[in-house]
Amino acid sequence: MLSRRQVRIKVLQALYAYQQTGNDNINLGEKELLRSIEKFFDLFYNQISLLPEILDVAVNQIEEAKLKRVPTKEDLNPNLKFVNNKLIAKLQDNPYLNFIIKRRKTNRVTNEDISRRIFRKFKSSAYYNVYMKNEENSFEEDKSIILKLLKKFIYTHRPLFDYYEENNIYWINDFDQVTFILIKILQSLTEETASNYRFIDNNDTDLQEEVFFAKNLFEKTLAKFDDYNEIIASYTQNWEIERVAIMDSIVMKMAICELFEFPSVPVKVTLNEYIEISKIFSTPKSSVFINGILDKIIEDLKGSDKIKKIGRGLIDK
């Protein structure tokens, strides 16, 4: 669930924070890195838990309408299509998801006002009204409306974004990626797989390789930080190294570290990944600058046979 690019981004952020705070304790820096990964999963399970929360709002409104002094016919015989959503029902029966949410104590993740406001906007939308009037009652239709709820109303709801920003410093950087991953997972689910889809947590065995990669990349980049600085300086002779943006410098040092220290990662993958990451976290011109410097470094290292990669074709760009 946590992509290798997201792991690299986590390491980049941890290295930047480490440098900015003047911290010289690598262990503390590594703990913050692992904490940021933990919080990534916190946010993911908060977001997925928000879906049944919104459904609960709909249920409560139906029950409240029945208790009116003079309920209408519609109040007494409500349309239950949304509250009986098949995708949500399957997710609520999923043992992996239930176990993780219980372990993380992810019960009600936002204040009730946020859930109510999201549902109010959703309920007044054309998407909801068309869905409720459609007599079709399929899993795919139910999945489609939940995806619209997630994309059009949860993801764009500013008070939710503000709530996350106020409650955790890591969540704002992860919000887009977590939502994208959740959408991809929900899109992949079928009526047969939804109740037994194997959701994973950051302490899951399947994720330990990524956690190990993150720790290794963090430690090995820091171990030769000054050496990598000298390498970069030698390729920026017409550009004082102090003038290179801090984020650009860290991106290039991480890339150089991968070239030297991670024999199973192809050169082309390393180059492409860090160019793409620079487009997100650096200035508009950074990706061109970083691409040019890394290109020269790779070409010279290949010529001097200093890049050692395991596996056929891994050294080729």
C-alpha atoms as a PDB file:
ATOM      1  CA  MET A   1       0.000   0.000   0.000  1.00  0.00           C
ATOM      2  CA  LEU A   2       2.925   2.331   0.693  1.00  0.00           C
ATOM      3  CA  SER A   3       4.727   2.787  -2.631  1.00  0.00           C
ATOM      4  CA  ARG A   4       8.496   2.960  -2.946  1.00  0.00           C
ATOM      5  CA  ARG A   5       8.171   6.566  -4.121  1.00  0.00           C
ATOM      6  CA  GLN A   6       6.219   7.443  -1.010  1.00  0.00           C
ATOM      7  CA  VAL A   7       8.958   5.806   1.058  1.00  0.00           C
ATOM      8  CA  ARG A   8      11.565   7.971  -0.694  1.00  0.00           C
ATOM      9  CA  ILE A   9       9.447  11.051  -0.012  1.00  0.00           C
ATOM     10  CA  LYS A  10       9.243  10.112   3.659  1.00  0.00           C
ATOM     11  CA  VAL A  11      13.034   9.807   3.801  1.00  0.00           C
ATOM     12  CA  LEU A  12      13.460  13.128   1.984  1.00  0.00           C
ATOM     13  CA  GLN A  13      11.199  14.868   4.490  1.00  0.00           C
ATOM     14  CA  ALA A  14      13.000  13.219   7.414  1.00  0.00           C
ATOM     15  CA  LEU A  15      16.419  14.271   6.087  1.00  0.00           C
ATOM     16  CA  TYR A  16      15.216  17.817   5.506  1.00  0.00           C
ATOM     17  CA  ALA A  17      13.820  18.030   9.048  1.00  0.00           C
ATOM     18  CA  TYR A  18      17.025  16.509  10.429  1.00  0.00           C
ATOM     19  CA  GLN A  19      19.136  19.151   8.672  1.00  0.00           C
ATOM     20  CA  GLN A  20      16.875  22.078   9.508  1.00  0.00           C
ATOM     21  CA  THR A  21      16.720  21.310  13.223  1.00  0.00           C
ATOM     22  CA  GLY A  22      20.478  20.878  13.502  1.00  0.00           C
ATOM     23  CA  ASN A  23      19.891  17.522  15.119  1.00  0.00           C
ATOM     24  CA  ASP A  24      22.991  15.323  15.337  1.00  0.00           C
ATOM     25  CA  ASN A  25      21.260  12.250  16.768  1.00  0.00           C
ATOM     26  CA  ILE A  26      20.624   9.852  13.895  1.00  0.00           C
ATOM     27  CA  ASN A  27      18.519   7.582  16.105  1.00  0.00           C
ATOM     28  CA  LEU A  28      16.102  10.405  16.878  1.00  0.00           C
ATOM     29  CA  GLY A  29      15.932  11.279  13.187  1.00  0.00           C
ATOM     30  CA  GLU A  30      15.185   7.672  12.330  1.00  0.00           C
ATOM     31  CA  LYS A  31      12.461   7.509  14.974  1.00  0.00           C
ATOM     32  CA  GLU A  32      10.796  10.530  13.389  1.00  0.00           C
ATOM     33  CA  LEU A  33      11.017   8.824   9.988  1.00  0.00           C
ATOM     34  CA  LEU A  34       9.301   5.700  11.318  1.00  0.00           C
ATOM     35  CA  ARG A  35       6.752   7.852  13.125  1.00  0.00           C
ATOM     36  CA  SER A  36       5.882   9.588   9.851  1.00  0.00           C
ATOM     37  CA  ILE A  37       5.260   6.180   8.243  1.00  0.00           C
ATOM     38  CA  GLU A  38       3.055   5.210  11.187  1.00  0.00           C
ATOM     39  CA  LYS A  39       1.071   8.432  10.785  1.00  0.00           C
ATOM     40  CA  PHE A  40       0.639   7.758   7.067  1.00  0.00           C
ATOM     41  CA  PHE A  41      -1.273   4.617   7.968  1.00  0.00           C
ATOM     42  CA  ASP A  42      -3.169   6.464  10.705  1.00  0.00           C
ATOM     43  CA  LEU A  43      -4.445   8.884   8.088  1.00  0.00           C
ATOM     44  CA  PHE A  44      -5.365   6.103   5.666  1.00  0.00           C
ATOM     45  CA  TYR A  45      -7.478   4.299   8.248  1.00  0.00           C
ATOM     46  CA  ASN A  46      -8.982   7.578   9.419  1.00  0.00           C
ATOM     47  CA  GLN A  47     -10.074   8.292   5.856  1.00  0.00           C
ATOM     48  CA  ILE A  48     -11.585   4.864   5.284  1.00  0.00           C
ATOM     49  CA  SER A  49     -13.346   5.042   8.678  1.00  0.00           C
ATOM     50  CA  LEU A  50     -14.932   8.312   7.632  1.00  0.00           C
ATOM     51  CA  LEU A  51     -17.070   6.485   5.040  1.00  0.00           C
ATOM     52  CA  PRO A  52     -19.235   4.537   7.544  1.00  0.00           C
ATOM     53  CA  GLU A  53     -19.299   7.645   9.753  1.00  0.00           C
ATOM     54  CA  ILE A  54     -21.043   9.544   6.968  1.00  0.00           C
ATOM     55  CA  LEU A  55     -23.389   6.622   6.432  1.00  0.00           C
ATOM     56  CA  ASP A  56     -24.213   6.769  10.169  1.00  0.00           C
ATOM     57  CA  VAL A  57     -25.193  10.411   9.710  1.00  0.00           C
ATOM     58  CA  ALA A  58     -27.687   9.305   7.048  1.00  0.00           C
ATOM     59  CA  VAL A  59     -29.066   6.601   9.373  1.00  0.00           C
ATOM     60  CA  ASN A  60     -29.475   9.079  12.228  1.00  0.00           C
ATOM     61  CA  GLN A  61     -31.301  11.549  10.006  1.00  0.00           C
ATOM     62  CA  ILE A  62     -33.742   8.834   8.945  1.00  0.00           C
ATOM     63  CA  GLU A  63     -34.423   7.895  12.578  1.00  0.00           C
ATOM     64  CA  GLU A  64     -34.842  11.539  13.590  1.00  0.00           C
ATOM     65  CA  ALA A  65     -37.317  12.125  10.751  1.00  0.00           C
ATOM     66  CA  LYS A  66     -39.491   9.274  12.020  1.00  0.00           C
ATOM     67  CA  LEU A  67     -39.725  10.990  15.412  1.00  0.00           C
ATOM     68  CA  LYS A  68     -41.154  14.227  14.049  1.00  0.00           C
ATOM     69  CA  ARG A  69     -44.440  15.297  15.591  1.00  0.00           C
ATOM     70  CA  VAL A  70     -46.056  15.037  12.170  1.00  0.00           C
ATOM     71  CA  PRO A  71     -43.833  12.779  10.033  1.00  0.00           C
ATOM     72  CA  THR A  72     -44.482  12.676   6.315  1.00  0.00           C
ATOM     73  CA  LYS A  73     -45.092   9.524   4.346  1.00  0.00           C
ATOM     74  CA  GLU A  74     -41.524   9.753   3.113  1.00  0.00           C
ATOM     75  CA  ASP A  75     -40.276  10.112   6.699  1.00  0.00           C
ATOM     76  CA  LEU A  76     -42.056   6.913   7.691  1.00  0.00           C
ATOM     77  CA  ASN A  77     -41.060   5.008   4.573  1.00  0.00           C
ATOM     78  CA  PRO A  78     -37.610   6.357   3.713  1.00  0.00           C
ATOM     79  CA  ASN A  79     -35.441   5.384   0.774  1.00  0.00           C
ATOM     80  CA  LEU A  80     -32.808   3.123   2.381  1.00  0.00           C
ATOM     81  CA  LYS A  81     -30.655   2.663  -0.685  1.00  0.00           C
ATOM     82  CA  PHE A  82     -27.676   4.679   0.553  1.00  0.00           C
ATOM     83  CA  VAL A  83     -27.729   3.423   4.148  1.00  0.00           C
ATOM     84  CA  ASN A  84     -27.769  -0.150   2.802  1.00  0.00           C
ATOM     85  CA  ASN A  85     -24.758   0.507   0.569  1.00  0.00           C
ATOM     86  CA  LYS A  86     -23.228  -2.866  -0.283  1.00  0.00           C
ATOM     87  CA  LEU A  87     -19.623  -1.682  -0.434  1.00  0.00           C
ATOM     88  CA  ILE A  88     -19.746  -0.129   3.038  1.00  0.00           C
ATOM     89  CA  ALA A  89     -21.459  -3.239   4.406  1.00  0.00           C
ATOM     90  CA  LYS A  90     -18.715  -5.450   2.961  1.00  0.00           C
ATOM     91  CA  LEU A  91     -15.984  -3.230   4.384  1.00  0.00           C
ATOM     92  CA  GLN A  92     -17.611  -3.316   7.798  1.00  0.00           C
ATOM     93  CA  ASP A  93     -17.512  -7.113   7.635  1.00  0.00           C
ATOM     94  CA  ASN A  94     -13.861  -7.203   6.558  1.00  0.00           C
ATOM     95  CA  PRO A  95     -11.867  -8.900   9.357  1.00  0.00           C
ATOM     96  CA  TYR A  96      -8.502  -7.373   8.335  1.00  0.00           C
ATOM     97  CA  LEU A  97      -9.941  -3.855   8.326  1.00  0.00           C
ATOM     98  CA  ASN A  98     -11.780  -4.395  11.611  1.00  0.00           C
ATOM     99  CA  PHE A  99      -8.653  -5.737  13.299  1.00  0.00           C
ATOM    100  CA  ILE A 100      -6.509  -2.781  12.198  1.00  0.00           C
ATOM    101  CA  ILE A 101      -9.116  -0.180  13.122  1.00  0.00           C
ATOM    102  CA  LYS A 102      -9.561  -1.786  16.534  1.00  0.00           C
ATOM    103  CA  ARG A 103      -5.788  -1.948  17.075  1.00  0.00           C
ATOM    104  CA  ARG A 104      -5.377   1.673  16.086  1.00  0.00           C
ATOM    105  CA  LYS A 105      -8.459   2.672  18.091  1.00  0.00           C
ATOM    106  CA  THR A 106      -9.789   4.422  15.017  1.00  0.00           C
ATOM    107  CA  ASN A 107     -13.393   4.820  16.040  1.00  0.00           C
ATOM    108  CA  ARG A 108     -14.753   8.275  15.329  1.00  0.00           C
ATOM    109  CA  VAL A 109     -11.975  10.102  13.526  1.00  0.00           C
ATOM    110  CA  THR A 110     -13.476  13.570  13.128  1.00  0.00           C
ATOM    111  CA  ASN A 111     -15.945  15.667  15.039  1.00  0.00           C
ATOM    112  CA  GLU A 112     -19.527  14.867  14.082  1.00  0.00           C
ATOM    113  CA  ASP A 113     -20.044  18.290  12.568  1.00  0.00           C
ATOM    114  CA  ILE A 114     -17.594  17.529   9.740  1.00  0.00           C
ATOM    115  CA  SER A 115     -19.375  14.273   8.868  1.00  0.00           C
ATOM    116  CA  ARG A 116     -22.759  16.004   8.912  1.00  0.00           C
ATOM    117  CA  ARG A 117     -21.553  18.850   6.706  1.00  0.00           C
ATOM    118  CA  ILE A 118     -20.042  16.464   4.174  1.00  0.00           C
ATOM    119  CA  PHE A 119     -23.252  14.441   4.049  1.00  0.00           C
ATOM    120  CA  ARG A 120     -25.398  17.571   3.721  1.00  0.00           C
ATOM    121  CA  LYS A 121     -23.484  18.680   0.616  1.00  0.00           C
ATOM    122  CA  PHE A 122     -23.459  15.152  -0.756  1.00  0.00           C
ATOM    123  CA  LYS A 123     -27.199  14.665  -0.168  1.00  0.00           C
ATOM    124  CA  SER A 124     -28.041  17.871  -2.042  1.00  0.00           C
ATOM    125  CA  SER A 125     -25.929  16.902  -5.050  1.00  0.00           C
ATOM    126  CA  ALA A 126     -27.118  15.571  -8.402  1.00  0.00           C
ATOM    127  CA  TYR A 127     -24.920  12.497  -7.885  1.00  0.00           C
ATOM    128  CA  TYR A 128     -26.850  11.476  -4.775  1.00  0.00           C
ATOM    129  CA  ASN A 129     -30.290  12.237  -6.205  1.00  0.00           C
ATOM    130  CA  VAL A 130     -29.687  10.286  -9.412  1.00  0.00           C
ATOM    131  CA  TYR A 131     -28.330   7.374  -7.386  1.00  0.00           C
ATOM    132  CA  MET A 132     -31.299   7.326  -5.004  1.00  0.00           C
ATOM    133  CA  LYS A 133     -33.851   7.458  -7.829  1.00  0.00           C
ATOM    134  CA  ASN A 134     -32.176   4.689  -9.822  1.00  0.00           C
ATOM    135  CA  GLU A 135     -33.943   1.398  -9.206  1.00  0.00           C
ATOM    136  CA  GLU A 136     -30.787  -0.556 -10.012  1.00  0.00           C
ATOM    137  CA  ASN A 137     -29.406  -2.101  -6.862  1.00  0.00           C
ATOM    138  CA  SER A 138     -25.964  -3.466  -7.661  1.00  0.00           C
ATOM    139  CA  PHE A 139     -22.620  -3.582  -5.905  1.00  0.00           C
ATOM    140  CA  GLU A 140     -20.968  -1.683  -8.758  1.00  0.00           C
ATOM    141  CA  GLU A 141     -23.477   1.158  -8.514  1.00  0.00           C
ATOM    142  CA  ASP A 142     -22.994   1.291  -4.752  1.00  0.00           C
ATOM    143  CA  LYS A 143     -19.230   1.368  -5.234  1.00  0.00           C
ATOM    144  CA  SER A 144     -19.545   4.138  -7.806  1.00  0.00           C
ATOM    145  CA  ILE A 145     -21.468   6.437  -5.469  1.00  0.00           C
ATOM    146  CA  ILE A 146     -18.953   5.897  -2.652  1.00  0.00           C
ATOM    147  CA  LEU A 147     -16.120   6.804  -5.011  1.00  0.00           C
ATOM    148  CA  LYS A 148     -17.966   9.995  -5.969  1.00  0.00           C
ATOM    149  CA  LEU A 149     -18.488  10.762  -2.281  1.00  0.00           C
ATOM    150  CA  LEU A 150     -14.768  10.304  -1.674  1.00  0.00           C
ATOM    151  CA  LYS A 151     -13.519  12.239  -4.702  1.00  0.00           C
ATOM    152  CA  LYS A 152     -16.052  15.057  -4.898  1.00  0.00           C
ATOM    153  CA  PHE A 153     -17.032  15.691  -1.291  1.00  0.00           C
ATOM    154  CA  ILE A 154     -14.545  14.210   1.198  1.00  0.00           C
ATOM    155  CA  TYR A 155     -11.329  15.010  -0.662  1.00  0.00           C
ATOM    156  CA  THR A 156     -12.443  18.587  -1.431  1.00  0.00           C
ATOM    157  CA  HIS A 157     -13.936  19.359   1.980  1.00  0.00           C
ATOM    158  CA  ARG A 158     -11.762  22.143   3.357  1.00  0.00           C
ATOM    159  CA  PRO A 159     -12.842  21.803   7.032  1.00  0.00           C
ATOM    160  CA  LEU A 160     -11.670  18.177   6.940  1.00  0.00           C
ATOM    161  CA  PHE A 161      -8.299  19.264   5.553  1.00  0.00           C
ATOM    162  CA  ASP A 162      -8.061  21.927   8.265  1.00  0.00           C
ATOM    163  CA  TYR A 163      -8.993  19.365  10.918  1.00  0.00           C
ATOM    164  CA  TYR A 164      -6.170  17.075   9.801  1.00  0.00           C
ATOM    165  CA  GLU A 165      -3.736  19.980   9.645  1.00  0.00           C
ATOM    166  CA  GLU A 166      -4.547  20.958  13.222  1.00  0.00           C
ATOM    167  CA  ASN A 167      -4.289  17.412  14.575  1.00  0.00           C
ATOM    168  CA  ASN A 168      -1.108  16.069  13.004  1.00  0.00           C
ATOM    169  CA  ILE A 169       1.878  17.698  11.292  1.00  0.00           C
ATOM    170  CA  TYR A 170       2.403  14.713   8.988  1.00  0.00           C
ATOM    171  CA  TRP A 171      -1.111  14.404   7.602  1.00  0.00           C
ATOM    172  CA  ILE A 172      -1.180  17.399   5.276  1.00  0.00           C
ATOM    173  CA  ASN A 173       1.759  16.098   3.243  1.00  0.00           C
ATOM    174  CA  ASP A 174       0.106  12.663   3.045  1.00  0.00           C
ATOM    175  CA  PHE A 175      -3.476  13.726   2.346  1.00  0.00           C
ATOM    176  CA  ASP A 176      -3.333  13.565  -1.464  1.00  0.00           C
ATOM    177  CA  GLN A 177      -1.416  10.298  -1.597  1.00  0.00           C
ATOM    178  CA  VAL A 178      -3.585   8.575   1.001  1.00  0.00           C
ATOM    179  CA  THR A 179      -6.755   9.585  -0.842  1.00  0.00           C
ATOM    180  CA  PHE A 180      -5.309   8.378  -4.150  1.00  0.00           C
ATOM    181  CA  ILE A 181      -4.389   4.994  -2.638  1.00  0.00           C
ATOM    182  CA  LEU A 182      -7.821   4.624  -1.034  1.00  0.00           C
ATOM    183  CA  ILE A 183      -9.532   5.379  -4.346  1.00  0.00           C
ATOM    184  CA  LYS A 184      -7.386   2.810  -6.165  1.00  0.00           C
ATOM    185  CA  ILE A 185      -8.141   0.139  -3.564  1.00  0.00           C
ATOM    186  CA  LEU A 186     -11.883   0.783  -3.615  1.00  0.00           C
ATOM    187  CA  GLN A 187     -11.901   0.749  -7.419  1.00  0.00           C
ATOM    188  CA  SER A 188     -10.275  -2.677  -7.381  1.00  0.00           C
ATOM    189  CA  LEU A 189     -12.825  -4.269  -5.036  1.00  0.00           C
ATOM    190  CA  THR A 190     -15.591  -6.557  -6.243  1.00  0.00           C
ATOM    191  CA  GLU A 191     -18.584  -7.964  -4.408  1.00  0.00           C
ATOM    192  CA  GLU A 192     -16.586 -11.180  -3.918  1.00  0.00           C
ATOM    193  CA  THR A 193     -13.347  -9.563  -2.693  1.00  0.00           C
ATOM    194  CA  ALA A 194     -14.488  -6.553  -0.640  1.00  0.00           C
ATOM    195  CA  SER A 195     -15.186  -8.451   2.588  1.00  0.00           C
ATOM    196  CA  ASN A 196     -11.857 -10.298   2.536  1.00  0.00           C
ATOM    197  CA  TYR A 197      -9.495  -7.765   0.934  1.00  0.00           C
ATOM    198  CA  ARG A 198      -6.270  -7.957   2.896  1.00  0.00           C
ATOM    199  CA  PHE A 199      -5.690  -4.477   4.271  1.00  0.00           C
ATOM    200  CA  ILE A 200      -2.198  -4.060   5.692  1.00  0.00           C
ATOM    201  CA  ASP A 201      -0.680  -2.034   8.481  1.00  0.00           C
ATOM    202  CA  ASN A 202       2.794  -0.553   8.853  1.00  0.00           C
ATOM    203  CA  ASN A 203       3.875  -3.466  11.082  1.00  0.00           C
ATOM    204  CA  ASP A 204       2.666  -6.045   8.551  1.00  0.00           C
ATOM    205  CA  THR A 205       5.295  -8.500   7.329  1.00  0.00           C
ATOM    206  CA  ASP A 206       4.622  -7.502   3.722  1.00  0.00           C
ATOM    207  CA  LEU A 207       5.676  -3.943   4.498  1.00  0.00           C
ATOM    208  CA  GLN A 208       8.853  -4.659   6.416  1.00  0.00           C
ATOM    209  CA  GLU A 209      10.939  -4.568   3.238  1.00  0.00           C
ATOM    210  CA  GLU A 210       9.785  -0.987   2.598  1.00  0.00           C
ATOM    211  CA  VAL A 211      10.466   0.033   6.212  1.00  0.00           C
ATOM    212  CA  PHE A 212      13.932  -1.537   5.969  1.00  0.00           C
ATOM    213  CA  PHE A 213      14.562   0.346   2.711  1.00  0.00           C
ATOM    214  CA  ALA A 214      13.503   3.627   4.362  1.00  0.00           C
ATOM    215  CA  LYS A 215      15.809   3.151   7.362  1.00  0.00           C
ATOM    216  CA  ASN A 216      18.696   2.082   5.145  1.00  0.00           C
ATOM    217  CA  LEU A 217      18.309   5.019   2.784  1.00  0.00           C
ATOM    218  CA  PHE A 218      18.091   7.481   5.674  1.00  0.00           C
ATOM    219  CA  GLU A 219      21.121   6.092   7.502  1.00  0.00           C
ATOM    220  CA  LYS A 220      23.331   5.594   4.446  1.00  0.00           C
ATOM    221  CA  THR A 221      22.583   9.023   3.014  1.00  0.00           C
ATOM    222  CA  LEU A 222      23.512  10.662   6.310  1.00  0.00           C
ATOM    223  CA  ALA A 223      26.611   8.502   6.735  1.00  0.00           C
ATOM    224  CA  LYS A 224      28.205  10.006   3.603  1.00  0.00           C
ATOM    225  CA  PHE A 225      26.397  13.328   3.504  1.00  0.00           C
ATOM    226  CA  ASP A 226      29.629  15.350   3.258  1.00  0.00           C
ATOM    227  CA  ASP A 227      31.128  12.991   0.664  1.00  0.00           C
ATOM    228  CA  TYR A 228      28.044  13.364  -1.524  1.00  0.00           C
ATOM    229  CA  ASN A 229      28.256  17.118  -1.039  1.00  0.00           C
ATOM    230  CA  GLU A 230      31.750  17.061  -2.538  1.00  0.00           C
ATOM    231  CA  ILE A 231      30.567  14.989  -5.492  1.00  0.00           C
ATOM    232  CA  ILE A 232      27.759  17.454  -6.213  1.00  0.00           C
ATOM    233  CA  ALA A 233      30.142  20.404  -5.806  1.00  0.00           C
ATOM    234  CA  SER A 234      32.487  18.946  -8.421  1.00  0.00           C
ATOM    235  CA  TYR A 235      29.652  18.946 -10.958  1.00  0.00           C
ATOM    236  CA  THR A 236      28.423  22.443 -10.121  1.00  0.00           C
ATOM    237  CA  GLN A 237      31.701  24.303 -10.647  1.00  0.00           C
ATOM    238  CA  ASN A 238      29.935  27.330 -12.081  1.00  0.00           C
ATOM    239  CA  TRP A 239      27.381  27.269  -9.290  1.00  0.00           C
ATOM    240  CA  GLU A 240      28.422  27.726  -5.664  1.00  0.00           C
ATOM    241  CA  ILE A 241      27.271  24.702  -3.690  1.00  0.00           C
ATOM    242  CA  GLU A 242      25.849  27.009  -0.982  1.00  0.00           C
ATOM    243  CA  ARG A 243      23.455  28.437  -3.567  1.00  0.00           C
ATOM    244  CA  VAL A 244      21.973  25.034  -4.393  1.00  0.00           C
ATOM    245  CA  ALA A 245      18.557  24.794  -2.732  1.00  0.00           C
ATOM    246  CA  ILE A 246      18.620  22.595   0.373  1.00  0.00           C
ATOM    247  CA  MET A 247      15.856  20.349  -0.957  1.00  0.00           C
ATOM    248  CA  ASP A 248      17.619  19.973  -4.329  1.00  0.00           C
ATOM    249  CA  SER A 249      20.840  19.061  -2.545  1.00  0.00           C
ATOM    250  CA  ILE A 250      19.141  16.383  -0.410  1.00  0.00           C
ATOM    251  CA  VAL A 251      17.342  14.917  -3.439  1.00  0.00           C
ATOM    252  CA  MET A 252      20.662  14.547  -5.289  1.00  0.00           C
ATOM    253  CA  LYS A 253      22.424  13.067  -2.257  1.00  0.00           C
ATOM    254  CA  MET A 254      19.686  10.466  -1.870  1.00  0.00           C
ATOM    255  CA  ALA A 255      19.980   9.609  -5.572  1.00  0.00           C
ATOM    256  CA  ILE A 256      23.763   9.269  -5.341  1.00  0.00           C
ATOM    257  CA  CYS A 257      23.372   7.088  -2.251  1.00  0.00           C
ATOM    258  CA  GLU A 258      21.031   4.765  -4.167  1.00  0.00           C
ATOM    259  CA  LEU A 259      23.492   4.566  -7.057  1.00  0.00           C
ATOM    260  CA  PHE A 260      26.319   3.495  -4.740  1.00  0.00           C
ATOM    261  CA  GLU A 261      24.595   1.658  -1.897  1.00  0.00           C
ATOM    262  CA  PHE A 262      21.527  -0.070  -3.362  1.00  0.00           C
ATOM    263  CA  PRO A 263      22.699  -2.618  -5.939  1.00  0.00           C
ATOM    264  CA  SER A 264      19.230  -4.019  -6.622  1.00  0.00           C
ATOM    265  CA  VAL A 265      17.714  -0.662  -7.663  1.00  0.00           C
ATOM    266  CA  PRO A 266      18.165   0.038 -11.397  1.00  0.00           C
ATOM    267  CA  VAL A 267      19.945   3.259 -12.339  1.00  0.00           C
ATOM    268  CA  LYS A 268      17.044   4.349 -14.531  1.00  0.00           C
ATOM    269  CA  VAL A 269      14.569   3.882 -11.684  1.00  0.00           C
ATOM    270  CA  THR A 270      16.696   5.989  -9.331  1.00  0.00           C
ATOM    271  CA  LEU A 271      17.055   8.795 -11.879  1.00  0.00           C
ATOM    272  CA  ASN A 272      13.384   8.872 -12.809  1.00  0.00           C
ATOM    273  CA  GLU A 273      12.149   8.673  -9.220  1.00  0.00           C
ATOM    274  CA  TYR A 274      14.174  11.602  -7.953  1.00  0.00           C
ATOM    275  CA  ILE A 275      13.384  13.787 -10.941  1.00  0.00           C
ATOM    276  CA  GLU A 276       9.670  13.180 -10.317  1.00  0.00           C
ATOM    277  CA  ILE A 277      10.059  13.828  -6.583  1.00  0.00           C
ATOM    278  CA  SER A 278      11.893  17.092  -7.302  1.00  0.00           C
ATOM    279  CA  LYS A 279       8.905  18.262  -9.374  1.00  0.00           C
ATOM    280  CA  ILE A 280       6.763  17.960  -6.246  1.00  0.00           C
ATOM    281  CA  PHE A 281       9.088  19.338  -3.567  1.00  0.00           C
ATOM    282  CA  SER A 282      11.457  21.758  -5.296  1.00  0.00           C
ATOM    283  CA  THR A 283      11.269  24.798  -7.544  1.00  0.00           C
ATOM    284  CA  PRO A 284       9.895  24.598 -11.115  1.00  0.00           C
ATOM    285  CA  LYS A 285      13.411  24.605 -12.573  1.00  0.00           C
ATOM    286  CA  SER A 286      14.818  22.090 -10.088  1.00  0.00           C
ATOM    287  CA  SER A 287      13.925  18.951 -12.040  1.00  0.00           C
ATOM    288  CA  VAL A 288      15.903  20.175 -15.084  1.00  0.00           C
ATOM    289  CA  PHE A 289      18.870  21.153 -12.898  1.00  0.00           C
ATOM    290  CA  ILE A 290      18.838  17.872 -10.961  1.00  0.00           C
ATOM    291  CA  ASN A 291      18.413  15.838 -14.128  1.00  0.00           C
ATOM    292  CA  GLY A 292      21.442  17.517 -15.685  1.00  0.00           C
ATOM    293  CA  ILE A 293      23.691  17.002 -12.654  1.00  0.00           C
ATOM    294  CA  LEU A 294      22.643  13.375 -12.082  1.00  0.00           C
ATOM    295  CA  ASP A 295      23.052  12.609 -15.780  1.00  0.00           C
ATOM    296  CA  LYS A 296      26.685  13.757 -15.673  1.00  0.00           C
ATOM    297  CA  ILE A 297      27.373  11.913 -12.424  1.00  0.00           C
ATOM    298  CA  ILE A 298      25.874   8.664 -13.729  1.00  0.00           C
ATOM    299  CA  GLU A 299      27.765   8.878 -17.009  1.00  0.00           C
ATOM    300  CA  ASP A 300      31.106   9.351 -15.234  1.00  0.00           C
ATOM    301  CA  LEU A 301      30.410   6.688 -12.624  1.00  0.00           C
ATOM    302  CA  LYS A 302      29.463   4.182 -15.305  1.00  0.00           C
ATOM    303  CA  GLY A 303      32.639   4.997 -17.196  1.00  0.00           C
ATOM    304  CA  SER A 304      34.771   4.426 -14.105  1.00  0.00           C
ATOM    305  CA  ASP A 305      32.870   1.259 -13.196  1.00  0.00           C
ATOM    306  CA  LYS A 306      31.946   2.633  -9.766  1.00  0.00           C
ATOM    307  CA  ILE A 307      28.262   1.718  -9.972  1.00  0.00           C
ATOM    308  CA  LYS A 308      27.787  -1.887  -8.964  1.00  0.00           C
ATOM    309  CA  LYS A 309      24.338  -3.279  -9.710  1.00  0.00           C
ATOM    310  CA  ILE A 310      23.060  -6.811  -9.218  1.00  0.00           C
ATOM    311  CA  GLY A 311      21.028  -8.216 -12.083  1.00  0.00           C
ATOM    312  CA  ARG A 312      21.169  -7.949 -15.835  1.00  0.00           C
ATOM    313  CA  GLY A 313      20.350  -4.562 -17.272  1.00  0.00           C
ATOM    314  CA  LEU A 314      20.126  -2.737 -13.934  1.00  0.00           C
ATOM    315  CA  ILE A 315      22.943  -0.331 -14.724  1.00  0.00           C
ATOM    316  CA  ASP A 316      21.534   0.815 -18.054  1.00  0.00           C
ATOM    317  CA  LYS A 317      19.613   4.048 -18.091  1.00  0.00           C
END
